[in-house]
All heavy atoms as atom14 arrays in JSON, in Angstrom:
{
  "sequence": "YPIEGIPSMEKRTNKKFSQKGFSDGPGKLSKALAI",
  "atom14_mask": [
    [1, 1, 1, 1, 1, 1, 1, 1, 1, 1, 1, 1, 0, 0],
    [1, 1, 1, 1, 1, 1, 1, 0, 0, 0, 0, 0, 0, 0],
    [1, 1, 1, 1, 1, 1, 1, 1, 0, 0, 0, 0, 0, 0],
    [1, 1, 1, 1, 1, 1, 1, 1, 1, 0, 0, 0, 0, 0],
    [1, 1, 1, 1, 0, 0, 0, 0, 0, 0, 0, 0, 0, 0],
    [1, 1, 1, 1, 1, 1, 1, 1, 0, 0, 0, 0, 0, 0],
    [1, 1, 1, 1, 1, 1, 1, 0, 0, 0, 0, 0, 0, 0],
    [1, 1, 1, 1, 1, 1, 0, 0, 0, 0, 0, 0, 0, 0],
    [1, 1, 1, 1, 1, 1, 1, 1, 0, 0, 0, 0, 0, 0],
    [1, 1, 1, 1, 1, 1, 1, 1, 1, 0, 0, 0, 0, 0],
    [1, 1, 1, 1, 1, 1, 1, 1, 1, 0, 0, 0, 0, 0],
    [1, 1, 1, 1, 1, 1, 1, 1, 1, 1, 1, 0, 0, 0],
    [1, 1, 1, 1, 1, 1, 1, 0, 0, 0, 0, 0, 0, 0],
    [1, 1, 1, 1, 1, 1, 1, 1, 0, 0, 0, 0, 0, 0],
    [1, 1, 1, 1, 1, 1, 1, 1, 1, 0, 0, 0, 0, 0],
    [1, 1, 1, 1, 1, 1, 1, 1, 1, 0, 0, 0, 0, 0],
    [1, 1, 1, 1, 1, 1, 1, 1, 1, 1, 1, 0, 0, 0],
    [1, 1, 1, 1, 1, 1, 0, 0, 0, 0, 0, 0, 0, 0],
    [1, 1, 1, 1, 1, 1, 1, 1, 1, 0, 0, 0, 0, 0],
    [1, 1, 1, 1, 1, 1, 1, 1, 1, 0, 0, 0, 0, 0],
    [1, 1, 1, 1, 0, 0, 0, 0, 0, 0, 0, 0, 0, 0],
    [1, 1, 1, 1, 1, 1, 1, 1, 1, 1, 1, 0, 0, 0],
    [1, 1, 1, 1, 1, 1, 0, 0, 0, 0, 0, 0, 0, 0],
    [1, 1, 1, 1, 1, 1, 1, 1, 0, 0, 0, 0, 0, 0],
    [1, 1, 1, 1, 0, 0, 0, 0, 0, 0, 0, 0, 0, 0],
    [1, 1, 1, 1, 1, 1, 1, 0, 0, 0, 0, 0, 0, 0],
    [1, 1, 1, 1, 0, 0, 0, 0, 0, 0, 0, 0, 0, 0],
    [1, 1, 1, 1, 1, 1, 1, 1, 1, 0, 0, 0, 0, 0],
    [1, 1, 1, 1, 1, 1, 1, 1, 0, 0, 0, 0, 0, 0],
    [1, 1, 1, 1, 1, 1, 0, 0, 0, 0, 0, 0, 0, 0],
    [1, 1, 1, 1, 1, 1, 1, 1, 1, 0, 0, 0, 0, 0],
    [1, 1, 1, 1, 1, 0, 0, 0, 0, 0, 0, 0, 0, 0],
    [1, 1, 1, 1, 1, 1, 1, 1, 0, 0, 0, 0, 0, 0],
    [1, 1, 1, 1, 1, 0, 0, 0, 0, 0, 0, 0, 0, 0],
    [1, 1, 1, 1, 1, 1, 1, 1, 0, 0, 0, 0, 0, 0]
  ],
  "atom14_positions": [
    [[121.48, 122.14, 109.71], [122.65, 121.5, 109.57], [122.45, 120.01, 109.78], [122.39, 119.57, 110.96], [123.72, 122.03, 110.4], [125.14, 121.43, 110.25], [125.93, 122.01, 109.25], [125.6, 120.41, 111.09], [127.25, 121.52, 109.06], [126.83, 119.86, 110.84], [127.68, 120.37, 109.81], [128.87, 119.93, 109.7], [0.0, 0.0, 0.0], [0.0, 0.0, 0.0]],
    [[122.42, 119.18, 108.71], [122.09, 117.79, 108.85], [123.09, 117.05, 109.82], [124.37, 117.17, 109.65], [122.16, 117.18, 107.49], [121.84, 118.38, 106.71], [122.54, 119.56, 107.32], [0.0, 0.0, 0.0], [0.0, 0.0, 0.0], [0.0, 0.0, 0.0], [0.0, 0.0, 0.0], [0.0, 0.0, 0.0], [0.0, 0.0, 0.0], [0.0, 0.0, 0.0]],
    [[122.57, 116.14, 110.73], [123.51, 115.36, 111.68], [123.04, 113.92, 111.78], [123.79, 113.14, 112.21], [123.6, 116.0, 113.03], [122.25, 115.96, 113.76], [124.22, 117.39, 113.02], [122.29, 116.45, 115.14], [0.0, 0.0, 0.0], [0.0, 0.0, 0.0], [0.0, 0.0, 0.0], [0.0, 0.0, 0.0], [0.0, 0.0, 0.0], [0.0, 0.0, 0.0]],
    [[121.79, 113.64, 111.29], [121.27, 112.26, 111.34], [120.56, 111.78, 110.18], [119.79, 112.52, 109.51], [120.28, 112.17, 112.58], [119.66, 110.93, 112.95], [120.66, 110.0, 113.59], [121.29, 110.62, 114.6], [120.79, 108.69, 113.35], [0.0, 0.0, 0.0], [0.0, 0.0, 0.0], [0.0, 0.0, 0.0], [0.0, 0.0, 0.0], [0.0, 0.0, 0.0]],
    [[120.98, 110.69, 109.68], [120.22, 110.1, 108.53], [120.67, 110.71, 107.21], [119.79, 110.74, 106.34], [0.0, 0.0, 0.0], [0.0, 0.0, 0.0], [0.0, 0.0, 0.0], [0.0, 0.0, 0.0], [0.0, 0.0, 0.0], [0.0, 0.0, 0.0], [0.0, 0.0, 0.0], [0.0, 0.0, 0.0], [0.0, 0.0, 0.0], [0.0, 0.0, 0.0]],
    [[121.81, 111.1, 107.19], [122.27, 111.92, 106.01], [122.14, 111.13, 104.7], [121.7, 111.66, 103.69], [123.74, 112.41, 106.2], [123.67, 113.56, 107.36], [124.32, 113.02, 104.83], [125.1, 114.02, 107.6], [0.0, 0.0, 0.0], [0.0, 0.0, 0.0], [0.0, 0.0, 0.0], [0.0, 0.0, 0.0], [0.0, 0.0, 0.0], [0.0, 0.0, 0.0]],
    [[122.57, 109.79, 104.66], [122.3, 109.06, 103.44], [120.86, 109.11, 103.0], [120.56, 109.14, 101.73], [122.82, 107.56, 103.91], [123.82, 107.8, 104.95], [123.19, 108.99, 105.6], [0.0, 0.0, 0.0], [0.0, 0.0, 0.0], [0.0, 0.0, 0.0], [0.0, 0.0, 0.0], [0.0, 0.0, 0.0], [0.0, 0.0, 0.0], [0.0, 0.0, 0.0]],
    [[119.91, 108.9, 103.89], [118.43, 109.0, 103.55], [118.05, 110.33, 102.93], [117.38, 110.51, 102.05], [117.57, 108.76, 104.75], [117.88, 107.35, 105.19], [0.0, 0.0, 0.0], [0.0, 0.0, 0.0], [0.0, 0.0, 0.0], [0.0, 0.0, 0.0], [0.0, 0.0, 0.0], [0.0, 0.0, 0.0], [0.0, 0.0, 0.0], [0.0, 0.0, 0.0]],
    [[118.73, 111.44, 103.65], [118.4, 112.72, 103.06], [118.94, 112.85, 101.63], [118.29, 113.55, 100.8], [119.15, 113.8, 103.95], [118.41, 114.07, 105.32], [119.14, 115.35, 106.18], [118.49, 115.3, 107.71], [0.0, 0.0, 0.0], [0.0, 0.0, 0.0], [0.0, 0.0, 0.0], [0.0, 0.0, 0.0], [0.0, 0.0, 0.0], [0.0, 0.0, 0.0]],
    [[120.13, 112.38, 101.4], [120.74, 112.4, 100.01], [119.89, 111.7, 99.04], [119.64, 112.23, 97.87], [122.06, 111.77, 100.04], [123.18, 112.66, 100.87], [124.48, 112.14, 100.98], [124.53, 110.77, 100.99], [125.51, 112.8, 100.9], [0.0, 0.0, 0.0], [0.0, 0.0, 0.0], [0.0, 0.0, 0.0], [0.0, 0.0, 0.0], [0.0, 0.0, 0.0]],
    [[119.33, 110.64, 99.43], [118.43, 109.86, 98.52], [117.19, 110.54, 98.18], [116.7, 110.71, 97.14], [118.19, 108.44, 99.19], [117.44, 107.52, 98.24], [117.21, 106.12, 98.92], [116.34, 105.27, 97.96], [116.15, 103.94, 98.65], [0.0, 0.0, 0.0], [0.0, 0.0, 0.0], [0.0, 0.0, 0.0], [0.0, 0.0, 0.0], [0.0, 0.0, 0.0]],
    [[116.56, 111.22, 99.27], [115.46, 112.02, 99.04], [115.6, 113.25, 98.22], [114.59, 113.56, 97.46], [114.73, 112.38, 100.47], [114.23, 111.23, 101.38], [114.0, 111.79, 102.67], [113.49, 110.75, 103.67], [113.49, 110.71, 104.91], [113.84, 111.83, 105.46], [113.16, 109.73, 105.58], [0.0, 0.0, 0.0], [0.0, 0.0, 0.0], [0.0, 0.0, 0.0]],
    [[116.67, 113.93, 98.26], [116.81, 115.12, 97.61], [117.66, 114.86, 96.29], [117.77, 115.82, 95.44], [117.63, 116.19, 98.52], [118.91, 115.54, 98.8], [116.83, 116.37, 99.72], [0.0, 0.0, 0.0], [0.0, 0.0, 0.0], [0.0, 0.0, 0.0], [0.0, 0.0, 0.0], [0.0, 0.0, 0.0], [0.0, 0.0, 0.0], [0.0, 0.0, 0.0]],
    [[118.15, 113.76, 96.01], [119.1, 113.44, 95.0], [120.29, 114.39, 94.91], [120.68, 114.75, 93.9], [118.34, 113.44, 93.63], [118.96, 112.74, 92.45], [119.81, 111.8, 92.65], [118.8, 113.15, 91.36], [0.0, 0.0, 0.0], [0.0, 0.0, 0.0], [0.0, 0.0, 0.0], [0.0, 0.0, 0.0], [0.0, 0.0, 0.0], [0.0, 0.0, 0.0]],
    [[120.8, 114.74, 96.0], [121.91, 115.57, 96.16], [122.92, 115.03, 97.35], [122.51, 114.22, 98.03], [121.47, 116.96, 96.48], [120.7, 117.75, 95.53], [120.38, 119.09, 95.98], [119.58, 119.97, 94.97], [119.17, 121.24, 95.47], [0.0, 0.0, 0.0], [0.0, 0.0, 0.0], [0.0, 0.0, 0.0], [0.0, 0.0, 0.0], [0.0, 0.0, 0.0]],
    [[124.12, 115.49, 97.17], [125.06, 115.05, 98.13], [125.09, 116.04, 99.25], [125.08, 117.34, 99.01], [126.37, 114.93, 97.43], [126.69, 113.66, 96.58], [126.41, 112.37, 97.36], [126.64, 111.17, 96.41], [126.48, 109.9, 97.17], [0.0, 0.0, 0.0], [0.0, 0.0, 0.0], [0.0, 0.0, 0.0], [0.0, 0.0, 0.0], [0.0, 0.0, 0.0]],
    [[125.51, 115.59, 100.55], [125.43, 116.53, 101.59], [126.58, 117.54, 101.44], [126.64, 118.65, 101.93], [125.83, 115.61, 102.9], [126.13, 116.46, 104.08], [125.31, 117.41, 104.48], [127.19, 116.11, 104.88], [125.51, 118.09, 105.69], [127.57, 116.91, 106.0], [126.56, 117.82, 106.5], [0.0, 0.0, 0.0], [0.0, 0.0, 0.0], [0.0, 0.0, 0.0]],
    [[127.66, 117.13, 100.78], [128.83, 118.0, 100.5], [128.53, 119.22, 99.41], [129.15, 120.16, 99.47], [129.97, 117.15, 99.88], [129.73, 116.5, 98.74], [0.0, 0.0, 0.0], [0.0, 0.0, 0.0], [0.0, 0.0, 0.0], [0.0, 0.0, 0.0], [0.0, 0.0, 0.0], [0.0, 0.0, 0.0], [0.0, 0.0, 0.0], [0.0, 0.0, 0.0]],
    [[127.38, 119.06, 98.9], [126.97, 120.11, 97.92], [126.57, 121.47, 98.62], [125.91, 121.37, 99.63], [125.78, 119.66, 97.02], [126.34, 118.7, 95.83], [125.12, 118.4, 94.98], [124.66, 117.16, 95.08], [124.8, 119.26, 94.16], [0.0, 0.0, 0.0], [0.0, 0.0, 0.0], [0.0, 0.0, 0.0], [0.0, 0.0, 0.0], [0.0, 0.0, 0.0]],
    [[127.0, 122.44, 98.05], [126.5, 123.8, 98.74], [125.09, 123.98, 98.64], [124.45, 123.68, 97.66], [127.27, 125.0, 98.14], [127.07, 126.25, 98.71], [127.72, 127.5, 97.87], [127.45, 128.76, 98.48], [128.13, 129.9, 97.86], [0.0, 0.0, 0.0], [0.0, 0.0, 0.0], [0.0, 0.0, 0.0], [0.0, 0.0, 0.0], [0.0, 0.0, 0.0]],
    [[124.48, 124.46, 99.71], [123.16, 124.67, 99.86], [122.2, 123.33, 99.95], [121.12, 123.52, 99.68], [0.0, 0.0, 0.0], [0.0, 0.0, 0.0], [0.0, 0.0, 0.0], [0.0, 0.0, 0.0], [0.0, 0.0, 0.0], [0.0, 0.0, 0.0], [0.0, 0.0, 0.0], [0.0, 0.0, 0.0], [0.0, 0.0, 0.0], [0.0, 0.0, 0.0]],
    [[122.87, 122.33, 100.47], [122.02, 121.06, 100.61], [120.7, 121.18, 101.49], [119.75, 120.63, 100.93], [122.89, 120.0, 101.23], [122.34, 118.63, 101.46], [122.18, 117.9, 100.46], [121.96, 118.29, 102.82], [121.64, 116.56, 100.67], [121.36, 117.07, 102.95], [121.2, 116.23, 101.92], [0.0, 0.0, 0.0], [0.0, 0.0, 0.0], [0.0, 0.0, 0.0]],
    [[120.77, 121.99, 102.46], [119.56, 122.16, 103.3], [119.43, 123.48, 103.82], [118.91, 123.71, 104.94], [119.53, 121.02, 104.48], [120.74, 121.31, 105.25], [0.0, 0.0, 0.0], [0.0, 0.0, 0.0], [0.0, 0.0, 0.0], [0.0, 0.0, 0.0], [0.0, 0.0, 0.0], [0.0, 0.0, 0.0], [0.0, 0.0, 0.0], [0.0, 0.0, 0.0]],
    [[119.76, 124.51, 103.11], [119.67, 125.94, 103.56], [118.49, 126.66, 103.01], [118.41, 127.87, 103.01], [120.91, 126.57, 103.24], [121.09, 126.87, 101.64], [120.41, 126.15, 100.96], [122.05, 127.37, 101.25], [0.0, 0.0, 0.0], [0.0, 0.0, 0.0], [0.0, 0.0, 0.0], [0.0, 0.0, 0.0], [0.0, 0.0, 0.0], [0.0, 0.0, 0.0]],
    [[117.41, 125.92, 102.58], [116.21, 126.51, 102.19], [114.96, 125.78, 102.7], [115.14, 124.55, 102.92], [0.0, 0.0, 0.0], [0.0, 0.0, 0.0], [0.0, 0.0, 0.0], [0.0, 0.0, 0.0], [0.0, 0.0, 0.0], [0.0, 0.0, 0.0], [0.0, 0.0, 0.0], [0.0, 0.0, 0.0], [0.0, 0.0, 0.0], [0.0, 0.0, 0.0]],
    [[113.83, 126.39, 102.99], [112.66, 125.74, 103.6], [112.14, 124.68, 102.82], [111.76, 123.52, 103.42], [111.71, 126.9, 103.85], [112.07, 127.86, 102.84], [113.5, 127.88, 102.74], [0.0, 0.0, 0.0], [0.0, 0.0, 0.0], [0.0, 0.0, 0.0], [0.0, 0.0, 0.0], [0.0, 0.0, 0.0], [0.0, 0.0, 0.0], [0.0, 0.0, 0.0]],
    [[112.15, 124.75, 101.45], [111.58, 123.6, 100.67], [112.68, 122.49, 100.72], [112.33, 121.34, 100.67], [0.0, 0.0, 0.0], [0.0, 0.0, 0.0], [0.0, 0.0, 0.0], [0.0, 0.0, 0.0], [0.0, 0.0, 0.0], [0.0, 0.0, 0.0], [0.0, 0.0, 0.0], [0.0, 0.0, 0.0], [0.0, 0.0, 0.0], [0.0, 0.0, 0.0]],
    [[113.9, 122.83, 100.5], [115.01, 121.78, 100.39], [115.14, 120.9, 101.75], [115.13, 119.7, 101.85], [116.25, 122.4, 100.14], [116.44, 122.86, 98.7], [117.73, 123.37, 98.38], [118.06, 124.77, 99.0], [119.37, 125.19, 98.56], [0.0, 0.0, 0.0], [0.0, 0.0, 0.0], [0.0, 0.0, 0.0], [0.0, 0.0, 0.0], [0.0, 0.0, 0.0]],
    [[114.88, 121.64, 102.96], [115.05, 120.89, 104.1], [113.82, 120.04, 104.37], [113.91, 118.91, 104.94], [115.33, 121.91, 105.28], [114.09, 122.79, 105.87], [113.34, 122.09, 106.8], [114.8, 123.97, 106.36], [0.0, 0.0, 0.0], [0.0, 0.0, 0.0], [0.0, 0.0, 0.0], [0.0, 0.0, 0.0], [0.0, 0.0, 0.0], [0.0, 0.0, 0.0]],
    [[112.58, 120.54, 104.0], [111.39, 119.76, 104.11], [111.47, 118.34, 103.41], [111.22, 117.31, 103.8], [110.23, 120.59, 103.75], [109.93, 121.38, 104.71], [0.0, 0.0, 0.0], [0.0, 0.0, 0.0], [0.0, 0.0, 0.0], [0.0, 0.0, 0.0], [0.0, 0.0, 0.0], [0.0, 0.0, 0.0], [0.0, 0.0, 0.0], [0.0, 0.0, 0.0]],
    [[112.12, 118.52, 102.27], [112.28, 117.38, 101.35], [113.24, 116.39, 101.9], [113.09, 115.19, 101.91], [112.76, 117.8, 99.97], [112.82, 116.64, 98.91], [112.99, 117.24, 97.5], [112.91, 116.14, 96.39], [113.23, 116.71, 95.05], [0.0, 0.0, 0.0], [0.0, 0.0, 0.0], [0.0, 0.0, 0.0], [0.0, 0.0, 0.0], [0.0, 0.0, 0.0]],
    [[114.28, 117.03, 102.48], [115.41, 115.99, 103.11], [114.79, 115.31, 104.37], [115.13, 114.17, 104.58], [116.55, 116.91, 103.57], [0.0, 0.0, 0.0], [0.0, 0.0, 0.0], [0.0, 0.0, 0.0], [0.0, 0.0, 0.0], [0.0, 0.0, 0.0], [0.0, 0.0, 0.0], [0.0, 0.0, 0.0], [0.0, 0.0, 0.0], [0.0, 0.0, 0.0]],
    [[113.95, 115.97, 105.09], [113.33, 115.42, 106.3], [111.95, 114.6, 105.98], [111.37, 114.25, 106.94], [113.07, 116.57, 107.31], [114.32, 117.23, 107.84], [113.85, 118.54, 108.68], [115.15, 116.27, 108.77], [0.0, 0.0, 0.0], [0.0, 0.0, 0.0], [0.0, 0.0, 0.0], [0.0, 0.0, 0.0], [0.0, 0.0, 0.0], [0.0, 0.0, 0.0]],
    [[111.62, 114.63, 104.6], [110.3, 113.92, 104.33], [109.09, 114.59, 104.97], [108.07, 113.92, 105.15], [110.39, 112.6, 104.63], [0.0, 0.0, 0.0], [0.0, 0.0, 0.0], [0.0, 0.0, 0.0], [0.0, 0.0, 0.0], [0.0, 0.0, 0.0], [0.0, 0.0, 0.0], [0.0, 0.0, 0.0], [0.0, 0.0, 0.0], [0.0, 0.0, 0.0]],
    [[109.1, 115.89, 105.14], [108.04, 116.67, 105.67], [107.14, 117.0, 104.6], [107.44, 117.59, 103.68], [108.4, 117.84, 106.58], [109.09, 117.42, 107.8], [107.2, 118.65, 106.99], [109.76, 118.64, 108.68], [0.0, 0.0, 0.0], [0.0, 0.0, 0.0], [0.0, 0.0, 0.0], [0.0, 0.0, 0.0], [0.0, 0.0, 0.0], [0.0, 0.0, 0.0]]
  ]
}
């Protein structure tokens, strides 16, 4: 559940935090966190 650097996560994923499933999968969250 993102709490820090959300604008950067949105830029990395090309998705909005408000979208369903923004970071609820292992591949998506790694992309959001730049891992």
